[in-house]
Amino acid sequence: MPDERAASIWVSLDEATVDNGCMWYVRGSHLGPIRPHRPAGGGGGAIECDCSEDEPGATPVPLPPGSAVVHAGRTLHYSRGNTTDGPRRAYILSFRPAAMIAMDHGLTENVRTVRNSLAD
C-alpha cells in the first residue's frame, strides 16, 4: 500500500534461533521500491514477495526470551518455519492505519475486525 505509516514489534517469548524461526530482515530494504506481492501459500491473507537469504543485507536476528525487534512496514522481513521439536512463540504488535489491515496472525478465520472504530 502506498501509505508508509506501519510498524511492527516482534517480542520473543521463547528463545528465537535460526533453526526455530527467528526473524530475518534485509538491511536497507525500506529505502527501495515496493516489490510485487502475491498471496502466500498457506492463504489466510498473508502475502509474500520474491526475496532470498542470499540477498545483500539479509540478516537473521536470534533473540533470547523477552527481547524484541522493531521494523517499519516496508522493511523486507520473514521467519523460517520451526524445524526443531521445541516451541518458538512470539507476541506481535502491529501499528498501522485501519485501511492497511489485511489480516490478523493466528486467527482461524481471516475476518477483519475493527477494534478501534475511531482509528484512521
PDB file of N, CA and C in Angstrom:
ATOM      1  N   MET A   1       0.847  -1.177   0.000  1.00  0.00           N
ATOM      2  CA  MET A   1       0.000   0.000   0.000  1.00  0.00           C
ATOM      3  C   MET A   1       0.889   1.234   0.000  1.00  0.00           C
ATOM      4  N   PRO A   2       0.432   2.285  -0.595  1.00  0.00           N
ATOM      5  CA  PRO A   2       1.261   3.484  -0.656  1.00  0.00           C
ATOM      6  C   PRO A   2       1.454   4.175   0.704  1.00  0.00           C
ATOM      7  N   ASP A   3       0.551   3.941   1.641  1.00  0.00           N
ATOM      8  CA  ASP A   3       0.685   4.532   2.972  1.00  0.00           C
ATOM      9  C   ASP A   3       1.847   3.861   3.697  1.00  0.00           C
ATOM     10  N   GLU A   4       2.799   4.635   4.159  1.00  0.00           N
ATOM     11  CA  GLU A   4       4.002   4.084   4.785  1.00  0.00           C
ATOM     12  C   GLU A   4       3.937   4.080   6.308  1.00  0.00           C
ATOM     13  N   ARG A   5       2.787   4.444   6.880  1.00  0.00           N
ATOM     14  CA  ARG A   5       2.669   4.504   8.335  1.00  0.00           C
ATOM     15  C   ARG A   5       2.386   3.137   8.916  1.00  0.00           C
ATOM     16  N   ALA A   6       3.414   2.324   9.033  1.00  0.00           N
ATOM     17  CA  ALA A   6       3.246   0.998   9.611  1.00  0.00           C
ATOM     18  C   ALA A   6       4.520   0.611  10.349  1.00  0.00           C
ATOM     19  N   ALA A   7       4.359  -0.006  11.501  1.00  0.00           N
ATOM     20  CA  ALA A   7       5.499  -0.513  12.266  1.00  0.00           C
ATOM     21  C   ALA A   7       5.040  -1.758  13.018  1.00  0.00           C
ATOM     22  N   SER A   8       5.969  -2.685  13.210  1.00  0.00           N
ATOM     23  CA  SER A   8       5.671  -3.909  13.956  1.00  0.00           C
ATOM     24  C   SER A   8       6.729  -4.158  15.009  1.00  0.00           C
ATOM     25  N   ILE A   9       6.288  -4.697  16.135  1.00  0.00           N
ATOM     26  CA  ILE A   9       7.191  -5.090  17.214  1.00  0.00           C
ATOM     27  C   ILE A   9       6.998  -6.588  17.392  1.00  0.00           C
ATOM     28  N   TRP A  10       8.093  -7.335  17.303  1.00  0.00           N
ATOM     29  CA  TRP A  10       8.065  -8.803  17.414  1.00  0.00           C
ATOM     30  C   TRP A  10       8.787  -9.153  18.701  1.00  0.00           C
ATOM     31  N   VAL A  11       8.053  -9.620  19.715  1.00  0.00           N
ATOM     32  CA  VAL A  11       8.605  -9.940  21.034  1.00  0.00           C
ATOM     33  C   VAL A  11       8.773 -11.450  21.146  1.00  0.00           C
ATOM     34  N   SER A  12       9.986 -11.893  21.429  1.00  0.00           N
ATOM     35  CA  SER A  12      10.275 -13.315  21.559  1.00  0.00           C
ATOM     36  C   SER A  12       9.845 -13.804  22.939  1.00  0.00           C
ATOM     37  N   LEU A  13       8.942 -14.789  22.982  1.00  0.00           N
ATOM     38  CA  LEU A  13       8.522 -15.378  24.250  1.00  0.00           C
ATOM     39  C   LEU A  13       9.391 -16.587  24.605  1.00  0.00           C
ATOM     40  N   ASP A  14       9.921 -17.249  23.582  1.00  0.00           N
ATOM     41  CA  ASP A  14      10.876 -18.349  23.737  1.00  0.00           C
ATOM     42  C   ASP A  14      12.159 -17.910  23.044  1.00  0.00           C
ATOM     43  N   GLU A  15      13.246 -18.617  23.271  1.00  0.00           N
ATOM     44  CA  GLU A  15      14.462 -18.304  22.536  1.00  0.00           C
ATOM     45  C   GLU A  15      14.169 -18.447  21.046  1.00  0.00           C
ATOM     46  N   ALA A  16      14.545 -17.460  20.256  1.00  0.00           N
ATOM     47  CA  ALA A  16      14.337 -17.491  18.806  1.00  0.00           C
ATOM     48  C   ALA A  16      15.691 -17.699  18.137  1.00  0.00           C
ATOM     49  N   THR A  17      15.825 -18.798  17.430  1.00  0.00           N
ATOM     50  CA  THR A  17      17.070 -19.141  16.753  1.00  0.00           C
ATOM     51  C   THR A  17      16.803 -19.274  15.252  1.00  0.00           C
ATOM     52  N   VAL A  18      17.863 -19.392  14.476  1.00  0.00           N
ATOM     53  CA  VAL A  18      17.689 -19.605  13.042  1.00  0.00           C
ATOM     54  C   VAL A  18      16.901 -20.885  12.794  1.00  0.00           C
ATOM     55  N   ASP A  19      17.182 -21.943  13.567  1.00  0.00           N
ATOM     56  CA  ASP A  19      16.515 -23.228  13.353  1.00  0.00           C
ATOM     57  C   ASP A  19      15.048 -23.249  13.772  1.00  0.00           C
ATOM     58  N   ASN A  20      14.676 -22.414  14.742  1.00  0.00           N
ATOM     59  CA  ASN A  20      13.270 -22.457  15.157  1.00  0.00           C
ATOM     60  C   ASN A  20      12.467 -21.248  14.683  1.00  0.00           C
ATOM     61  N   GLY A  21      13.018 -20.425  13.819  1.00  0.00           N
ATOM     62  CA  GLY A  21      12.213 -19.395  13.166  1.00  0.00           C
ATOM     63  C   GLY A  21      12.390 -17.976  13.656  1.00  0.00           C
ATOM     64  N   CYS A  22      13.623 -17.556  13.970  1.00  0.00           N
ATOM     65  CA  CYS A  22      13.826 -16.153  14.337  1.00  0.00           C
ATOM     66  C   CYS A  22      13.515 -15.267  13.126  1.00  0.00           C
ATOM     67  N   MET A  23      13.343 -13.992  13.355  1.00  0.00           N
ATOM     68  CA  MET A  23      13.072 -13.055  12.270  1.00  0.00           C
ATOM     69  C   MET A  23      14.333 -12.814  11.448  1.00  0.00           C
ATOM     70  N   TRP A  24      14.144 -12.592  10.163  1.00  0.00           N
ATOM     71  CA  TRP A  24      15.192 -12.175   9.233  1.00  0.00           C
ATOM     72  C   TRP A  24      14.773 -10.826   8.661  1.00  0.00           C
ATOM     73  N   TYR A  25      15.749  -9.957   8.439  1.00  0.00           N
ATOM     74  CA  TYR A  25      15.497  -8.649   7.836  1.00  0.00           C
ATOM     75  C   TYR A  25      16.491  -8.422   6.704  1.00  0.00           C
ATOM     76  N   VAL A  26      16.093  -7.616   5.731  1.00  0.00           N
ATOM     77  CA  VAL A  26      17.004  -7.200   4.675  1.00  0.00           C
ATOM     78  C   VAL A  26      17.331  -5.734   4.930  1.00  0.00           C
ATOM     79  N   ARG A  27      18.549  -5.520   5.401  1.00  0.00           N
ATOM     80  CA  ARG A  27      19.022  -4.189   5.760  1.00  0.00           C
ATOM     81  C   ARG A  27      18.866  -3.224   4.584  1.00  0.00           C
ATOM     82  N   GLY A  28      18.254  -2.071   4.837  1.00  0.00           N
ATOM     83  CA  GLY A  28      18.080  -1.013   3.840  1.00  0.00           C
ATOM     84  C   GLY A  28      16.937  -1.228   2.870  1.00  0.00           C
ATOM     85  N   SER A  29      16.219  -2.337   2.987  1.00  0.00           N
ATOM     86  CA  SER A  29      15.146  -2.623   2.026  1.00  0.00           C
ATOM     87  C   SER A  29      13.992  -1.616   2.097  1.00  0.00           C
ATOM     88  N   HIS A  30      13.833  -0.966   3.224  1.00  0.00           N
ATOM     89  CA  HIS A  30      12.753   0.027   3.363  1.00  0.00           C
ATOM     90  C   HIS A  30      12.989   1.251   2.483  1.00  0.00           C
ATOM     91  N   LEU A  31      14.211   1.408   1.979  1.00  0.00           N
ATOM     92  CA  LEU A  31      14.543   2.557   1.132  1.00  0.00           C
ATOM     93  C   LEU A  31      14.300   2.278  -0.350  1.00  0.00           C
ATOM     94  N   GLY A  32      14.119   1.020  -0.716  1.00  0.00           N
ATOM     95  CA  GLY A  32      13.918   0.646  -2.113  1.00  0.00           C
ATOM     96  C   GLY A  32      12.458   0.685  -2.507  1.00  0.00           C
ATOM     97  N   PRO A  33      12.189   0.379  -3.765  1.00  0.00           N
ATOM     98  CA  PRO A  33      10.791   0.341  -4.218  1.00  0.00           C
ATOM     99  C   PRO A  33      10.059  -0.838  -3.584  1.00  0.00           C
ATOM    100  N   ILE A  34       8.741  -0.724  -3.510  1.00  0.00           N
ATOM    101  CA  ILE A  34       7.927  -1.826  -3.005  1.00  0.00           C
ATOM    102  C   ILE A  34       7.929  -2.917  -4.069  1.00  0.00           C
ATOM    103  N   ARG A  35       8.233  -4.137  -3.658  1.00  0.00           N
ATOM    104  CA  ARG A  35       8.277  -5.264  -4.586  1.00  0.00           C
ATOM    105  C   ARG A  35       6.878  -5.806  -4.822  1.00  0.00           C
ATOM    106  N   PRO A  36       6.664  -6.386  -6.005  1.00  0.00           N
ATOM    107  CA  PRO A  36       5.351  -7.012  -6.265  1.00  0.00           C
ATOM    108  C   PRO A  36       5.090  -8.126  -5.250  1.00  0.00           C
ATOM    109  N   HIS A  37       3.888  -8.150  -4.713  1.00  0.00           N
ATOM    110  CA  HIS A  37       3.479  -9.157  -3.729  1.00  0.00           C
ATOM    111  C   HIS A  37       2.410 -10.064  -4.314  1.00  0.00           C
ATOM    112  N   ARG A  38       2.258 -11.240  -3.698  1.00  0.00           N
ATOM    113  CA  ARG A  38       1.242 -12.208  -4.078  1.00  0.00           C
ATOM    114  C   ARG A  38       0.768 -12.918  -2.811  1.00  0.00           C
ATOM    115  N   PRO A  39      -0.385 -13.586  -2.851  1.00  0.00           N
ATOM    116  CA  PRO A  39      -0.839 -14.340  -1.668  1.00  0.00           C
ATOM    117  C   PRO A  39       0.184 -15.425  -1.314  1.00  0.00           C
ATOM    118  N   ALA A  40       0.433 -15.606  -0.030  1.00  0.00           N
ATOM    119  CA  ALA A  40       1.353 -16.649   0.438  1.00  0.00           C
ATOM    120  C   ALA A  40       0.668 -18.004   0.321  1.00  0.00           C
ATOM    121  N   GLY A  41       1.462 -19.072   0.245  1.00  0.00           N
ATOM    122  CA  GLY A  41       0.965 -20.422   0.021  1.00  0.00           C
ATOM    123  C   GLY A  41      -0.102 -20.887   0.990  1.00  0.00           C
ATOM    124  N   GLY A  42      -0.004 -20.518   2.269  1.00  0.00           N
ATOM    125  CA  GLY A  42      -0.948 -21.006   3.258  1.00  0.00           C
ATOM    126  C   GLY A  42      -2.277 -20.292   3.267  1.00  0.00           C
ATOM    127  N   GLY A  43      -2.404 -19.233   2.505  1.00  0.00           N
ATOM    128  CA  GLY A  43      -3.650 -18.473   2.498  1.00  0.00           C
ATOM    129  C   GLY A  43      -3.811 -17.682   3.783  1.00  0.00           C
ATOM    130  N   GLY A  44      -5.030 -17.380   4.162  1.00  0.00           N
ATOM    131  CA  GLY A  44      -5.295 -16.657   5.391  1.00  0.00           C
ATOM    132  C   GLY A  44      -4.983 -15.177   5.305  1.00  0.00           C
ATOM    133  N   GLY A  45      -4.745 -14.655   4.097  1.00  0.00           N
ATOM    134  CA  GLY A  45      -4.496 -13.228   3.958  1.00  0.00           C
ATOM    135  C   GLY A  45      -3.043 -12.831   3.982  1.00  0.00           C
ATOM    136  N   ALA A  46      -2.133 -13.765   4.264  1.00  0.00           N
ATOM    137  CA  ALA A  46      -0.704 -13.436   4.272  1.00  0.00           C
ATOM    138  C   ALA A  46      -0.229 -13.202   2.846  1.00  0.00           C
ATOM    139  N   ILE A  47       0.775 -12.354   2.700  1.00  0.00           N
ATOM    140  CA  ILE A  47       1.350 -12.064   1.391  1.00  0.00           C
ATOM    141  C   ILE A  47       2.846 -12.320   1.413  1.00  0.00           C
ATOM    142  N   GLU A  48       3.427 -12.461   0.230  1.00  0.00           N
ATOM    143  CA  GLU A  48       4.868 -12.666   0.115  1.00  0.00           C
ATOM    144  C   GLU A  48       5.366 -11.998  -1.154  1.00  0.00           C
ATOM    145  N   CYS A  49       6.683 -11.802  -1.215  1.00  0.00           N
ATOM    146  CA  CYS A  49       7.316 -11.278  -2.412  1.00  0.00           C
ATOM    147  C   CYS A  49       8.630 -12.025  -2.621  1.00  0.00           C
ATOM    148  N   ASP A  50       9.235 -11.847  -3.784  1.00  0.00           N
ATOM    149  CA  ASP A  50      10.497 -12.515  -4.062  1.00  0.00           C
ATOM    150  C   ASP A  50      11.617 -11.881  -3.247  1.00  0.00           C
ATOM    151  N   CYS A  51      12.341 -12.719  -2.530  1.00  0.00           N
ATOM    152  CA  CYS A  51      13.469 -12.304  -1.706  1.00  0.00           C
ATOM    153  C   CYS A  51      14.231 -13.565  -1.344  1.00  0.00           C
ATOM    154  N   SER A  52      15.487 -13.430  -0.970  1.00  0.00           N
ATOM    155  CA  SER A  52      16.299 -14.595  -0.666  1.00  0.00           C
ATOM    156  C   SER A  52      17.234 -14.287   0.488  1.00  0.00           C
ATOM    157  N   GLU A  53      17.586 -15.318   1.244  1.00  0.00           N
ATOM    158  CA  GLU A  53      18.573 -15.149   2.313  1.00  0.00           C
ATOM    159  C   GLU A  53      19.947 -14.816   1.756  1.00  0.00           C
ATOM    160  N   ASP A  54      20.142 -15.033   0.459  1.00  0.00           N
ATOM    161  CA  ASP A  54      21.408 -14.687  -0.193  1.00  0.00           C
ATOM    162  C   ASP A  54      21.444 -13.236  -0.652  1.00  0.00           C
ATOM    163  N   GLU A  55      20.341 -12.534  -0.495  1.00  0.00           N
ATOM    164  CA  GLU A  55      20.262 -11.137  -0.914  1.00  0.00           C
ATOM    165  C   GLU A  55      21.187 -10.281  -0.036  1.00  0.00           C
ATOM    166  N   PRO A  56      21.899  -9.320  -0.629  1.00  0.00           N
ATOM    167  CA  PRO A  56      22.754  -8.452   0.193  1.00  0.00           C
ATOM    168  C   PRO A  56      21.961  -7.803   1.327  1.00  0.00           C
ATOM    169  N   GLY A  57      22.477  -7.885   2.528  1.00  0.00           N
ATOM    170  CA  GLY A  57      21.821  -7.292   3.696  1.00  0.00           C
ATOM    171  C   GLY A  57      20.902  -8.230   4.446  1.00  0.00           C
ATOM    172  N   ALA A  58      20.624  -9.431   3.915  1.00  0.00           N
ATOM    173  CA  ALA A  58      19.743 -10.378   4.610  1.00  0.00           C
ATOM    174  C   ALA A  58      20.436 -10.858   5.878  1.00  0.00           C
ATOM    175  N   THR A  59      19.766 -10.678   7.015  1.00  0.00           N
ATOM    176  CA  THR A  59      20.383 -10.942   8.317  1.00  0.00           C
ATOM    177  C   THR A  59      19.400 -11.620   9.269  1.00  0.00           C
ATOM    178  N   PRO A  60      19.766 -12.780   9.837  1.00  0.00           N
ATOM    179  CA  PRO A  60      18.920 -13.369  10.875  1.00  0.00           C
ATOM    180  C   PRO A  60      19.125 -12.609  12.183  1.00  0.00           C
ATOM    181  N   VAL A  61      18.084 -12.556  12.999  1.00  0.00           N
ATOM    182  CA  VAL A  61      18.170 -11.844  14.283  1.00  0.00           C
ATOM    183  C   VAL A  61      17.711 -12.778  15.398  1.00  0.00           C
ATOM    184  N   PRO A  62      18.605 -13.677  15.869  1.00  0.00           N
ATOM    185  CA  PRO A  62      18.257 -14.533  17.010  1.00  0.00           C
ATOM    186  C   PRO A  62      18.026 -13.674  18.257  1.00  0.00           C
ATOM    187  N   LEU A  63      17.084 -14.103  19.095  1.00  0.00           N
ATOM    188  CA  LEU A  63      16.747 -13.337  20.297  1.00  0.00           C
ATOM    189  C   LEU A  63      16.559 -14.252  21.498  1.00  0.00           C
ATOM    190  N   PRO A  64      16.984 -13.791  22.682  1.00  0.00           N
ATOM    191  CA  PRO A  64      16.625 -14.518  23.900  1.00  0.00           C
ATOM    192  C   PRO A  64      15.186 -14.162  24.285  1.00  0.00           C
ATOM    193  N   PRO A  65      14.544 -14.974  25.123  1.00  0.00           N
ATOM    194  CA  PRO A  65      13.180 -14.662  25.551  1.00  0.00           C
ATOM    195  C   PRO A  65      13.088 -13.266  26.160  1.00  0.00           C
ATOM    196  N   GLY A  66      12.020 -12.565  25.819  1.00  0.00           N
ATOM    197  CA  GLY A  66      11.790 -11.231  26.369  1.00  0.00           C
ATOM    198  C   GLY A  66      12.399 -10.110  25.562  1.00  0.00           C
ATOM    199  N   SER A  67      13.193 -10.427  24.561  1.00  0.00           N
ATOM    200  CA  SER A  67      13.778  -9.394  23.698  1.00  0.00           C
ATOM    201  C   SER A  67      12.843  -9.119  22.535  1.00  0.00           C
ATOM    202  N   ALA A  68      13.069  -8.008  21.857  1.00  0.00           N
ATOM    203  CA  ALA A  68      12.185  -7.622  20.763  1.00  0.00           C
ATOM    204  C   ALA A  68      12.956  -6.971  19.632  1.00  0.00           C
ATOM    205  N   VAL A  69      12.363  -7.026  18.451  1.00  0.00           N
ATOM    206  CA  VAL A  69      12.850  -6.285  17.294  1.00  0.00           C
ATOM    207  C   VAL A  69      11.688  -5.444  16.785  1.00  0.00           C
ATOM    208  N   VAL A  70      12.019  -4.322  16.177  1.00  0.00           N
ATOM    209  CA  VAL A  70      11.018  -3.404  15.646  1.00  0.00           C
ATOM    210  C   VAL A  70      11.374  -3.142  14.184  1.00  0.00           C
ATOM    211  N   HIS A  71      10.369  -3.157  13.327  1.00  0.00           N
ATOM    212  CA  HIS A  71      10.647  -2.828  11.929  1.00  0.00           C
ATOM    213  C   HIS A  71       9.506  -2.023  11.313  1.00  0.00           C
ATOM    214  N   ALA A  72       9.898  -1.206  10.334  1.00  0.00           N
ATOM    215  CA  ALA A  72       8.932  -0.447   9.547  1.00  0.00           C
ATOM    216  C   ALA A  72       8.237  -1.395   8.585  1.00  0.00           C
ATOM    217  N   GLY A  73       7.026  -1.077   8.193  1.00  0.00           N
ATOM    218  CA  GLY A  73       6.247  -1.947   7.330  1.00  0.00           C
ATOM    219  C   GLY A  73       6.884  -2.234   5.985  1.00  0.00           C
ATOM    220  N   ARG A  74       7.684  -1.307   5.473  1.00  0.00           N
ATOM    221  CA  ARG A  74       8.313  -1.514   4.165  1.00  0.00           C
ATOM    222  C   ARG A  74       9.599  -2.323   4.252  1.00  0.00           C
ATOM    223  N   THR A  75      10.040  -2.696   5.449  1.00  0.00           N
ATOM    224  CA  THR A  75      11.253  -3.493   5.591  1.00  0.00           C
ATOM    225  C   THR A  75      10.953  -4.939   5.213  1.00  0.00           C
ATOM    226  N   LEU A  76      11.750  -5.498   4.296  1.00  0.00           N
ATOM    227  CA  LEU A  76      11.570  -6.910   3.959  1.00  0.00           C
ATOM    228  C   LEU A  76      11.902  -7.738   5.186  1.00  0.00           C
ATOM    229  N   HIS A  77      10.988  -8.622   5.576  1.00  0.00           N
ATOM    230  CA  HIS A  77      11.161  -9.417   6.781  1.00  0.00           C
ATOM    231  C   HIS A  77      10.398 -10.734   6.656  1.00  0.00           C
ATOM    232  N   TYR A  78      10.861 -11.729   7.369  1.00  0.00           N
ATOM    233  CA  TYR A  78      10.161 -13.003   7.406  1.00  0.00           C
ATOM    234  C   TYR A  78      10.773 -13.872   8.481  1.00  0.00           C
ATOM    235  N   SER A  79      10.122 -14.993   8.749  1.00  0.00           N
ATOM    236  CA  SER A  79      10.720 -16.002   9.623  1.00  0.00           C
ATOM    237  C   SER A  79      10.576 -17.355   8.936  1.00  0.00           C
ATOM    238  N   ARG A  80      11.592 -18.185   9.091  1.00  0.00           N
ATOM    239  CA  ARG A  80      11.531 -19.551   8.565  1.00  0.00           C
ATOM    240  C   ARG A  80      10.549 -20.358   9.409  1.00  0.00           C
ATOM    241  N   GLY A  81      10.234 -21.534   8.960  1.00  0.00           N
ATOM    242  CA  GLY A  81       9.462 -22.450   9.783  1.00  0.00           C
ATOM    243  C   GLY A  81      10.323 -22.990  10.912  1.00  0.00           C
ATOM    244  N   ASN A  82       9.682 -23.525  11.912  1.00  0.00           N
ATOM    245  CA  ASN A  82      10.376 -24.103  13.053  1.00  0.00           C
ATOM    246  C   ASN A  82      10.710 -25.557  12.733  1.00  0.00           C
ATOM    247  N   THR A  83      12.011 -25.885  12.629  1.00  0.00           N
ATOM    248  CA  THR A  83      12.433 -27.248  12.314  1.00  0.00           C
ATOM    249  C   THR A  83      12.907 -27.993  13.559  1.00  0.00           C
ATOM    250  N   THR A  84      12.619 -27.461  14.738  1.00  0.00           N
ATOM    251  CA  THR A  84      13.021 -28.104  15.991  1.00  0.00           C
ATOM    252  C   THR A  84      11.811 -28.768  16.643  1.00  0.00           C
ATOM    253  N   ASP A  85      12.047 -29.472  17.730  1.00  0.00           N
ATOM    254  CA  ASP A  85      10.957 -30.092  18.487  1.00  0.00           C
ATOM    255  C   ASP A  85      10.346 -29.140  19.520  1.00  0.00           C
ATOM    256  N   GLY A  86      10.990 -27.996  19.757  1.00  0.00           N
ATOM    257  CA  GLY A  86      10.516 -27.051  20.764  1.00  0.00           C
ATOM    258  C   GLY A  86       9.688 -25.935  20.160  1.00  0.00           C
ATOM    259  N   PRO A  87       9.013 -25.167  21.015  1.00  0.00           N
ATOM    260  CA  PRO A  87       8.211 -24.039  20.525  1.00  0.00           C
ATOM    261  C   PRO A  87       9.073 -22.825  20.216  1.00  0.00           C
ATOM    262  N   ARG A  88       8.558 -21.963  19.391  1.00  0.00           N
ATOM    263  CA  ARG A  88       9.133 -20.631  19.183  1.00  0.00           C
ATOM    264  C   ARG A  88       7.932 -19.680  19.112  1.00  0.00           C
ATOM    265  N   ARG A  89       7.531 -19.241  20.312  1.00  0.00           N
ATOM    266  CA  ARG A  89       6.376 -18.359  20.391  1.00  0.00           C
ATOM    267  C   ARG A  89       6.831 -16.914  20.373  1.00  0.00           C
ATOM    268  N   ALA A  90       5.977 -16.058  19.826  1.00  0.00           N
ATOM    269  CA  ALA A  90       6.269 -14.628  19.778  1.00  0.00           C
ATOM    270  C   ALA A  90       4.959 -13.863  19.931  1.00  0.00           C
ATOM    271  N   TYR A  91       5.086 -12.656  20.420  1.00  0.00           N
ATOM    272  CA  TYR A  91       3.948 -11.746  20.535  1.00  0.00           C
ATOM    273  C   TYR A  91       4.207 -10.632  19.539  1.00  0.00           C
ATOM    274  N   ILE A  92       3.262 -10.398  18.638  1.00  0.00           N
ATOM    275  CA  ILE A  92       3.457  -9.417  17.577  1.00  0.00           C
ATOM    276  C   ILE A  92       2.489  -8.257  17.767  1.00  0.00           C
ATOM    277  N   LEU A  93       3.024  -7.066  17.789  1.00  0.00           N
ATOM    278  CA  LEU A  93       2.221  -5.844  17.841  1.00  0.00           C
ATOM    279  C   LEU A  93       2.400  -5.134  16.510  1.00  0.00           C
ATOM    280  N   SER A  94       1.307  -4.866  15.816  1.00  0.00           N
ATOM    281  CA  SER A  94       1.369  -4.169  14.533  1.00  0.00           C
ATOM    282  C   SER A  94       0.600  -2.867  14.639  1.00  0.00           C
ATOM    283  N   PHE A  95       1.227  -1.809  14.201  1.00  0.00           N
ATOM    284  CA  PHE A  95       0.618  -0.484  14.236  1.00  0.00           C
ATOM    285  C   PHE A  95       0.521   0.033  12.811  1.00  0.00           C
ATOM    286  N   ARG A  96      -0.726   0.319  12.366  1.00  0.00           N
ATOM    287  CA  ARG A  96      -0.933   0.826  11.014  1.00  0.00           C
ATOM    288  C   ARG A  96      -2.323   1.425  10.922  1.00  0.00           C
ATOM    289  N   PRO A  97      -2.551   2.264   9.913  1.00  0.00           N
ATOM    290  CA  PRO A  97      -3.894   2.803   9.726  1.00  0.00           C
ATOM    291  C   PRO A  97      -4.897   1.687   9.429  1.00  0.00           C
ATOM    292  N   ALA A  98      -6.146   1.879   9.780  1.00  0.00           N
ATOM    293  CA  ALA A  98      -7.171   0.847   9.609  1.00  0.00           C
ATOM    294  C   ALA A  98      -7.261   0.363   8.172  1.00  0.00           C
ATOM    295  N   ALA A  99      -7.066   1.241   7.188  1.00  0.00           N
ATOM    296  CA  ALA A  99      -7.171   0.850   5.780  1.00  0.00           C
ATOM    297  C   ALA A  99      -6.091  -0.145   5.373  1.00  0.00           C
ATOM    298  N   MET A 100      -5.041  -0.258   6.164  1.00  0.00           N
ATOM    299  CA  MET A 100      -3.940  -1.160   5.820  1.00  0.00           C
ATOM    300  C   MET A 100      -4.069  -2.522   6.478  1.00  0.00           C
ATOM    301  N   ILE A 101      -5.094  -2.771   7.266  1.00  0.00           N
ATOM    302  CA  ILE A 101      -5.226  -4.048   7.958  1.00  0.00           C
ATOM    303  C   ILE A 101      -5.745  -5.081   6.973  1.00  0.00           C
ATOM    304  N   ALA A 102      -4.888  -6.075   6.664  1.00  0.00           N
ATOM    305  CA  ALA A 102      -5.266  -7.106   5.708  1.00  0.00           C
ATOM    306  C   ALA A 102      -5.531  -8.438   6.397  1.00  0.00           C
ATOM    307  N   MET A 103      -4.882  -8.687   7.537  1.00  0.00           N
ATOM    308  CA  MET A 103      -5.049  -9.975   8.211  1.00  0.00           C
ATOM    309  C   MET A 103      -4.616  -9.852   9.657  1.00  0.00           C
ATOM    310  N   ASP A 104      -5.091 -10.782  10.465  1.00  0.00           N
ATOM    311  CA  ASP A 104      -4.623 -10.934  11.836  1.00  0.00           C
ATOM    312  C   ASP A 104      -3.936 -12.284  11.926  1.00  0.00           C
ATOM    313  N   HIS A 105      -2.665 -12.297  12.342  1.00  0.00           N
ATOM    314  CA  HIS A 105      -1.960 -13.568  12.519  1.00  0.00           C
ATOM    315  C   HIS A 105      -2.635 -14.364  13.629  1.00  0.00           C
ATOM    316  N   GLY A 106      -2.760 -15.651  13.434  1.00  0.00           N
ATOM    317  CA  GLY A 106      -3.251 -16.516  14.483  1.00  0.00           C
ATOM    318  C   GLY A 106      -4.745 -16.741  14.504  1.00  0.00           C
ATOM    319  N   LEU A 107      -5.494 -16.017  13.705  1.00  0.00           N
ATOM    320  CA  LEU A 107      -6.928 -16.258  13.676  1.00  0.00           C
ATOM    321  C   LEU A 107      -7.230 -17.495  12.838  1.00  0.00           C
ATOM    322  N   THR A 108      -8.268 -18.211  13.172  1.00  0.00           N
ATOM    323  CA  THR A 108      -8.644 -19.371  12.368  1.00  0.00           C
ATOM    324  C   THR A 108      -9.445 -18.952  11.150  1.00  0.00           C
ATOM    325  N   GLU A 109     -10.058 -17.794  11.204  1.00  0.00           N
ATOM    326  CA  GLU A 109     -10.768 -17.248  10.056  1.00  0.00           C
ATOM    327  C   GLU A 109     -10.196 -15.869   9.782  1.00  0.00           C
ATOM    328  N   ASN A 110      -9.969 -15.555   8.515  1.00  0.00           N
ATOM    329  CA  ASN A 110      -9.432 -14.251   8.163  1.00  0.00           C
ATOM    330  C   ASN A 110     -10.579 -13.252   8.045  1.00  0.00           C
ATOM    331  N   VAL A 111     -11.088 -12.828   9.199  1.00  0.00           N
ATOM    332  CA  VAL A 111     -12.184 -11.873   9.253  1.00  0.00           C
ATOM    333  C   VAL A 111     -11.636 -10.600   9.869  1.00  0.00           C
ATOM    334  N   ARG A 112     -11.733  -9.520   9.116  1.00  0.00           N
ATOM    335  CA  ARG A 112     -11.236  -8.243   9.613  1.00  0.00           C
ATOM    336  C   ARG A 112     -12.147  -7.730  10.703  1.00  0.00           C
ATOM    337  N   THR A 113     -11.579  -7.398  11.852  1.00  0.00           N
ATOM    338  CA  THR A 113     -12.317  -6.843  12.964  1.00  0.00           C
ATOM    339  C   THR A 113     -11.716  -5.496  13.304  1.00  0.00           C
ATOM    340  N   VAL A 114     -12.508  -4.451  13.237  1.00  0.00           N
ATOM    341  CA  VAL A 114     -12.027  -3.127  13.607  1.00  0.00           C
ATOM    342  C   VAL A 114     -12.163  -3.009  15.107  1.00  0.00           C
ATOM    343  N   ARG A 115     -11.044  -2.931  15.803  1.00  0.00           N
ATOM    344  CA  ARG A 115     -11.074  -2.891  17.251  1.00  0.00           C
ATOM    345  C   ARG A 115     -11.198  -1.466  17.778  1.00  0.00           C
ATOM    346  N   ASN A 116     -10.829  -0.505  16.948  1.00  0.00           N
ATOM    347  CA  ASN A 116     -10.930   0.893  17.332  1.00  0.00           C
ATOM    348  C   ASN A 116     -11.607   1.621  16.194  1.00  0.00           C
ATOM    349  N   SER A 117     -12.894   1.817  16.291  1.00  0.00           N
ATOM    350  CA  SER A 117     -13.647   2.416  15.195  1.00  0.00           C
ATOM    351  C   SER A 117     -13.253   3.865  14.946  1.00  0.00           C
ATOM    352  N   LEU A 118     -12.503   4.483  15.849  1.00  0.00           N
ATOM    353  CA  LEU A 118     -12.067   5.860  15.656  1.00  0.00           C
ATOM    354  C   LEU A 118     -10.719   5.941  14.956  1.00  0.00           C
ATOM    355  N   ALA A 119     -10.085   4.803  14.684  1.00  0.00           N
ATOM    356  CA  ALA A 119      -8.782   4.787  14.003  1.00  0.00           C
ATOM    357  C   ALA A 119      -8.948   5.267  12.584  1.00  0.00           C
ATOM    358  N   ASP A 120      -7.887   5.968  12.092  1.00  0.00           N
ATOM    359  CA  ASP A 120      -7.981   6.413  10.686  1.00  0.00           C
ATOM    360  C   ASP A 120      -7.223   5.480   9.790  1.00  0.00           C
TER     361      ASP A 120
END
